[in-house]
Amino acid sequence: MAQGRAPVLRPLVARTLRIAKTVEHWLVGQLAFAVLWLLRLLPPDRALAFADRAARRLGPLVGRHRVAMDNLRRAYPEKSEEELQAIASDMWGNMARLAGEYLYLDRMFDMPPRGGEAARVELVGEEIFLRLREEKKPLIFFTAHTGNFELLPVAASLYDLPVTALFRAPNNPYIAKYIFSTRAEAMGELLASRAGAAFGLARVLERGGNIGVLVDQKFRKGVPTTFFGLPCNTSPLVAKLARQYDCDVHPARSIRLPGNRFRLEICDRLELPRTEKGTVDVPATCQLLNDVVEGWVREHPGQWMWFHKRWQLD
């Protein structure tokens, strides 16, 4: 009798678990929206400072903090535990500010300087933006989860250089929907990171468009490379697209500055490694991208997302 019930119970259990997960996502989403609503009641600078302080206290209590600390110990074996905890604290503060800045993403470039202070966002490499806009050739921008990386496609859009940005949606569908709508209003075209995304990016390049890709995440079936001298797998997407379409690849990054300000750096094209046949060397290019990102992270370690499982190979 018990064996006969098992096939009947399995679908019921599965459906119950799905309903429970949906309820959990809804509750977490409502909590997040309530926090964002409260932050809207404050002036931007005060809201972001509050989010920063709260995250520095709450971040060490979540499971991802252990992942971050493990990654930091492996990347910086020479640093003390106190130094690593300080980097992790800065990371949580940066993450909180990034989340809060979604409220003002469409206004970040419009916020005027305050009391004679410098502009909210300074752009290094403006001449490159202007030149690329006139050349009208397909190209690839690559960046990493540093500073407020969401500002890069916003800047490109404002310079009339639209970029189709590849993004990974959060697992929570309610939060994902909010973030997608917020991003799309300020950035233009977005492409979700899922099966078939590579074909979508290829079509953009085929029609002469530009794409933006984050290259610092784990990619299970990627190319064997190193990052901070440790083995990891890296997505070959940028290298393969550059090889197929023979398009330029430009590094771009965001640096968070004091006073809720930012520096966006747009660099000239990389000289990509080539094979004996003259085509882009995919493994060597993947390593080159890692090396560029590692330099950025070493310069501002507290502005990178250390809780990514970057070095997990399985």
Protein backbone atom coordinates (compact mmCIF):
# COMPACT_ATOMS: atom_id res chain seq x y z
CA MET A 1 0.00 0.00 0.00
CA ALA A 2 2.82 2.37 0.94
CA GLN A 3 4.52 1.65 -2.39
CA GLY A 4 1.32 2.48 -4.24
CA ARG A 5 1.03 5.83 -2.52
CA ALA A 6 4.58 6.92 -3.37
CA PRO A 7 3.95 7.73 -7.08
CA VAL A 8 0.85 9.69 -6.08
CA LEU A 9 2.61 11.63 -3.32
CA ARG A 10 5.65 12.67 -5.35
CA PRO A 11 3.80 15.16 -7.61
CA LEU A 12 1.99 16.54 -4.57
CA VAL A 13 5.25 17.04 -2.68
CA ALA A 14 6.88 18.64 -5.72
CA ARG A 15 3.94 21.01 -6.20
CA THR A 16 3.97 21.92 -2.50
CA LEU A 17 7.69 22.72 -2.68
CA ARG A 18 7.14 24.89 -5.77
CA ILE A 19 4.36 26.78 -4.02
CA ALA A 20 6.54 27.25 -0.93
CA LYS A 21 9.40 28.61 -3.07
CA THR A 22 7.01 30.98 -4.85
CA VAL A 23 5.72 32.26 -1.50
CA GLU A 24 9.28 32.68 -0.27
CA HIS A 25 10.23 34.66 -3.39
CA TRP A 26 7.14 36.84 -3.02
CA LEU A 27 7.85 37.59 0.65
CA VAL A 28 11.51 38.39 -0.01
CA GLY A 29 10.49 40.56 -2.93
CA GLN A 30 7.96 42.49 -0.85
CA LEU A 31 10.57 43.04 1.85
CA ALA A 32 13.05 44.32 -0.72
CA PHE A 33 10.45 46.67 -2.25
CA ALA A 34 9.54 47.95 1.23
CA VAL A 35 13.19 48.75 1.94
CA LEU A 36 13.51 50.53 -1.42
CA TRP A 37 10.32 52.50 -0.68
CA LEU A 38 11.77 53.63 2.64
CA LEU A 39 15.04 54.63 0.98
CA ARG A 40 13.10 56.77 -1.49
CA LEU A 41 11.88 58.87 1.43
CA LEU A 42 15.46 59.97 2.12
CA PRO A 43 17.71 62.22 0.03
CA PRO A 44 19.94 60.05 -2.18
CA ASP A 45 23.18 60.59 -0.26
CA ARG A 46 21.57 59.84 3.11
CA ALA A 47 19.75 56.79 1.73
CA LEU A 48 22.93 55.30 0.27
CA ALA A 49 24.91 55.99 3.45
CA PHE A 50 22.22 54.26 5.51
CA ALA A 51 22.24 51.23 3.17
CA ASP A 52 26.04 51.07 3.40
CA ARG A 53 26.05 51.05 7.22
CA ALA A 54 23.30 48.44 7.41
CA ALA A 55 25.00 46.10 4.93
CA ARG A 56 28.32 46.26 6.77
CA ARG A 57 26.54 44.96 9.87
CA LEU A 58 24.25 42.42 8.22
CA GLY A 59 26.56 41.11 5.48
CA PRO A 60 28.81 39.07 7.82
CA LEU A 61 25.71 37.23 9.07
CA VAL A 62 24.78 35.64 5.73
CA GLY A 63 26.19 32.48 4.20
CA ARG A 64 27.77 34.30 1.26
CA HIS A 65 30.12 36.04 3.69
CA ARG A 66 31.85 32.72 4.31
CA VAL A 67 32.29 32.28 0.55
CA ALA A 68 33.75 35.78 0.30
CA MET A 69 36.19 35.21 3.15
CA ASP A 70 37.31 31.89 1.70
CA ASN A 71 37.92 33.55 -1.67
CA LEU A 72 39.82 36.40 -0.04
CA ARG A 73 42.07 34.04 1.91
CA ARG A 74 42.95 32.19 -1.28
CA ALA A 75 43.53 35.37 -3.31
CA TYR A 76 45.51 37.20 -0.59
CA PRO A 77 47.35 34.58 1.51
CA GLU A 78 49.75 37.29 2.66
CA LYS A 79 47.07 39.49 4.26
CA SER A 80 45.92 39.28 7.87
CA GLU A 81 42.42 38.22 8.87
CA GLU A 82 41.67 41.81 9.92
CA GLU A 83 42.68 43.11 6.49
CA LEU A 84 40.51 40.53 4.75
CA GLN A 85 37.52 41.34 6.97
CA ALA A 86 37.96 45.02 6.10
CA ILE A 87 37.85 44.20 2.38
CA ALA A 88 34.73 42.09 2.89
CA SER A 89 33.10 44.93 4.84
CA ASP A 90 33.85 47.36 2.01
CA MET A 91 32.38 44.83 -0.42
CA TRP A 92 29.08 44.68 1.49
CA GLY A 93 28.96 48.47 1.63
CA ASN A 94 29.54 48.66 -2.11
CA MET A 95 26.85 46.05 -2.78
CA ALA A 96 24.31 47.94 -0.68
CA ARG A 97 25.04 51.19 -2.46
CA LEU A 98 24.76 49.41 -5.81
CA ALA A 99 21.31 48.10 -4.86
CA GLY A 100 20.18 51.51 -3.62
CA GLU A 101 21.46 53.24 -6.74
CA TYR A 102 18.90 51.39 -8.84
CA LEU A 103 16.48 53.99 -7.48
CA TYR A 104 18.46 56.77 -9.14
CA LEU A 105 20.03 54.94 -12.09
CA ASP A 106 18.27 57.06 -14.70
CA ARG A 107 19.33 60.24 -12.88
CA MET A 108 22.93 59.49 -11.94
CA PHE A 109 24.29 61.60 -14.81
CA ASP A 110 21.76 64.36 -14.19
CA MET A 111 22.47 64.92 -10.50
CA PRO A 112 24.19 68.33 -10.40
CA PRO A 113 27.41 69.01 -8.49
CA ARG A 114 26.70 70.05 -4.92
CA GLY A 115 28.17 73.26 -3.50
CA GLY A 116 30.91 73.52 -6.07
CA GLU A 117 31.96 69.88 -5.74
CA ALA A 118 32.99 67.75 -8.69
CA ALA A 119 30.37 66.18 -10.92
CA ARG A 120 28.66 62.98 -9.78
CA VAL A 121 30.25 60.95 -12.60
CA GLU A 122 33.52 61.65 -14.36
CA LEU A 123 34.29 59.92 -17.63
CA VAL A 124 37.83 58.99 -18.59
CA GLY A 125 38.09 58.18 -22.28
CA GLU A 126 35.29 60.38 -23.57
CA GLU A 127 37.23 60.83 -26.81
CA ILE A 128 37.08 57.06 -27.33
CA PHE A 129 33.29 57.07 -27.00
CA LEU A 130 33.06 59.89 -29.52
CA ARG A 131 35.41 58.20 -31.98
CA LEU A 132 33.62 54.86 -31.78
CA ARG A 133 30.28 56.55 -32.31
CA GLU A 134 31.56 58.02 -35.58
CA GLU A 135 33.23 54.80 -36.77
CA LYS A 136 29.97 52.87 -36.48
CA LYS A 137 31.62 49.46 -36.40
CA PRO A 138 30.45 46.54 -34.26
CA LEU A 139 32.46 46.23 -31.07
CA ILE A 140 32.55 44.53 -27.70
CA PHE A 141 32.88 46.23 -24.31
CA PHE A 142 33.85 43.99 -21.43
CA THR A 143 33.76 44.82 -17.76
CA ALA A 144 33.55 43.25 -14.30
CA HIS A 145 31.42 43.48 -11.15
CA THR A 146 33.31 46.50 -9.82
CA GLY A 147 32.00 49.83 -8.54
CA ASN A 148 28.62 50.48 -10.11
CA PHE A 149 29.06 48.56 -13.36
CA GLU A 150 25.45 49.41 -14.32
CA LEU A 151 26.54 52.96 -15.18
CA LEU A 152 28.59 51.86 -18.18
CA PRO A 153 25.69 51.09 -20.56
CA VAL A 154 23.93 54.18 -19.23
CA ALA A 155 26.93 56.29 -20.25
CA ALA A 156 27.10 54.63 -23.67
CA SER A 157 23.41 55.31 -24.25
CA LEU A 158 23.84 58.98 -23.34
CA TYR A 159 26.67 59.26 -25.87
CA ASP A 160 24.40 57.79 -28.55
CA LEU A 161 26.46 54.61 -28.63
CA PRO A 162 23.84 52.01 -27.71
CA VAL A 163 25.12 48.80 -26.16
CA THR A 164 23.15 45.57 -25.80
CA ALA A 165 24.09 44.41 -22.31
CA LEU A 166 24.15 40.75 -21.33
CA PHE A 167 22.84 40.29 -17.80
CA ARG A 168 22.06 37.46 -15.42
CA ALA A 169 18.66 37.86 -13.80
CA PRO A 170 18.30 37.18 -10.05
CA ASN A 171 16.71 33.89 -9.08
CA ASN A 172 13.82 35.74 -7.44
CA PRO A 173 11.38 36.47 -10.32
CA TYR A 174 9.78 39.45 -8.55
CA ILE A 175 13.11 41.16 -7.94
CA ALA A 176 14.28 40.18 -11.44
CA LYS A 177 11.25 41.86 -13.03
CA TYR A 178 11.89 45.06 -11.07
CA ILE A 179 15.60 45.15 -11.92
CA PHE A 180 14.95 44.41 -15.58
CA SER A 181 12.44 47.25 -15.92
CA THR A 182 14.73 49.66 -14.06
CA ARG A 183 17.73 48.72 -16.17
CA ALA A 184 15.87 48.82 -19.47
CA GLU A 185 14.58 52.36 -18.88
CA ALA A 186 18.10 53.72 -18.41
CA MET A 187 20.25 51.39 -20.52
CA GLY A 188 18.31 50.38 -23.58
CA GLU A 189 18.39 46.83 -24.91
CA LEU A 190 19.12 43.99 -22.48
CA LEU A 191 19.69 40.32 -23.17
CA ALA A 192 19.17 37.73 -20.45
CA SER A 193 22.06 35.34 -19.83
CA ARG A 194 20.55 31.96 -20.67
CA ALA A 195 20.59 29.30 -23.37
CA GLY A 196 20.76 30.98 -26.76
CA ALA A 197 22.18 34.27 -25.44
CA ALA A 198 25.35 33.85 -27.53
CA PHE A 199 23.22 33.73 -30.70
CA GLY A 200 21.43 36.88 -29.60
CA LEU A 201 24.72 38.73 -29.12
CA ALA A 202 25.96 37.44 -32.47
CA ARG A 203 22.91 38.87 -34.20
CA VAL A 204 23.60 42.27 -32.62
CA LEU A 205 27.15 42.25 -33.99
CA GLU A 206 25.95 41.04 -37.39
CA ARG A 207 23.73 44.08 -37.75
CA GLY A 208 26.57 46.39 -36.75
CA GLY A 209 25.58 46.87 -33.10
CA ASN A 210 27.63 46.88 -29.92
CA ILE A 211 27.53 44.52 -26.96
CA GLY A 212 28.61 44.68 -23.32
CA VAL A 213 29.61 41.58 -21.36
CA LEU A 214 30.66 40.89 -17.77
CA VAL A 215 33.59 38.45 -17.84
CA ASP A 216 34.39 37.76 -14.19
CA GLN A 217 31.85 35.04 -13.36
CA LYS A 218 32.27 31.29 -13.03
CA PHE A 219 31.54 29.38 -16.22
CA ARG A 220 31.36 25.67 -15.55
CA LYS A 221 32.29 24.50 -19.05
CA GLY A 222 34.63 27.38 -19.78
CA VAL A 223 38.26 27.64 -20.82
CA PRO A 224 40.85 26.64 -18.17
CA THR A 225 42.55 29.84 -16.99
CA THR A 226 43.90 31.40 -13.82
CA PHE A 227 42.71 34.34 -11.71
CA PHE A 228 44.89 35.58 -8.87
CA GLY A 229 47.15 32.67 -9.79
CA LEU A 230 44.41 30.14 -9.00
CA PRO A 231 42.78 27.82 -11.57
CA CYS A 232 39.29 28.73 -12.78
CA ASN A 233 37.09 28.34 -15.84
CA THR A 234 36.34 31.39 -17.97
CA SER A 235 33.61 31.89 -20.55
CA PRO A 236 35.02 31.94 -24.10
CA LEU A 237 32.11 34.07 -25.34
CA VAL A 238 33.97 37.37 -25.85
CA ALA A 239 36.97 35.68 -27.44
CA LYS A 240 34.86 33.58 -29.81
CA LEU A 241 32.69 36.52 -30.88
CA ALA A 242 35.79 38.68 -31.45
CA ARG A 243 37.28 35.87 -33.57
CA GLN A 244 34.12 35.30 -35.57
CA TYR A 245 33.34 38.94 -36.32
CA ASP A 246 36.88 40.35 -36.15
CA CYS A 247 35.63 43.20 -33.98
CA ASP A 248 37.52 45.31 -31.46
CA VAL A 249 37.32 44.56 -27.74
CA HIS A 250 37.43 47.51 -25.31
CA PRO A 251 37.90 47.27 -21.52
CA ALA A 252 35.58 49.49 -19.47
CA ARG A 253 35.21 49.78 -15.71
CA SER A 254 33.50 51.73 -12.96
CA ILE A 255 35.34 52.98 -9.88
CA ARG A 256 33.45 54.17 -6.83
CA LEU A 257 34.82 57.44 -5.43
CA PRO A 258 34.15 59.18 -2.09
CA GLY A 259 31.00 61.27 -1.82
CA ASN A 260 28.80 58.98 -3.95
CA ARG A 261 30.79 59.82 -7.04
CA PHE A 262 32.16 57.58 -9.79
CA ARG A 263 34.89 57.40 -12.35
CA LEU A 264 34.09 55.52 -15.55
CA GLU A 265 37.12 54.45 -17.57
CA ILE A 266 36.75 53.53 -21.23
CA CYS A 267 40.00 52.14 -22.63
CA ASP A 268 41.23 51.73 -26.17
CA ARG A 269 40.97 48.35 -27.81
CA LEU A 270 43.04 45.43 -26.60
CA GLU A 271 45.60 43.81 -28.84
CA LEU A 272 44.21 40.29 -28.75
CA PRO A 273 46.57 37.30 -28.92
CA ARG A 274 46.60 35.60 -32.31
CA THR A 275 47.27 32.07 -33.51
CA GLU A 276 49.80 31.24 -36.24
CA LYS A 277 46.92 31.51 -38.72
CA GLY A 278 46.16 35.05 -37.58
CA THR A 279 42.85 34.31 -35.88
CA VAL A 280 42.05 35.30 -32.30
CA ASP A 281 43.59 32.83 -29.85
CA VAL A 282 40.60 31.98 -27.65
CA PRO A 283 42.38 30.50 -24.57
CA ALA A 284 45.02 33.24 -24.54
CA THR A 285 42.36 35.94 -24.93
CA CYS A 286 40.37 34.51 -22.02
CA GLN A 287 43.50 34.70 -19.87
CA LEU A 288 44.16 38.26 -21.03
CA LEU A 289 40.67 39.33 -19.95
CA ASN A 290 41.23 37.70 -16.56
CA ASP A 291 44.53 39.52 -16.16
CA VAL A 292 42.90 42.88 -16.92
CA VAL A 293 40.11 42.24 -14.40
CA GLU A 294 42.58 41.03 -11.78
CA GLY A 295 44.46 44.32 -12.10
CA TRP A 296 41.21 46.21 -11.52
CA VAL A 297 40.31 44.10 -8.47
CA ARG A 298 43.78 44.44 -6.93
CA GLU A 299 43.52 48.20 -7.28
CA HIS A 300 40.13 48.39 -5.51
CA PRO A 301 39.53 45.01 -3.81
CA GLY A 302 36.59 46.24 -1.73
CA GLN A 303 34.62 47.07 -4.88
CA TRP A 304 34.47 43.55 -6.32
CA MET A 305 31.88 40.84 -5.56
CA TRP A 306 34.00 38.37 -3.62
CA PHE A 307 31.02 36.13 -2.86
CA HIS A 308 31.00 34.76 -6.41
CA LYS A 309 32.22 31.16 -6.49
CA ARG A 310 34.77 32.18 -9.11
CA TRP A 311 37.24 29.37 -8.51
CA GLN A 312 34.74 26.52 -8.29
CA LEU A 313 35.55 24.20 -11.20
CA ASP A 314 32.63 21.76 -11.03
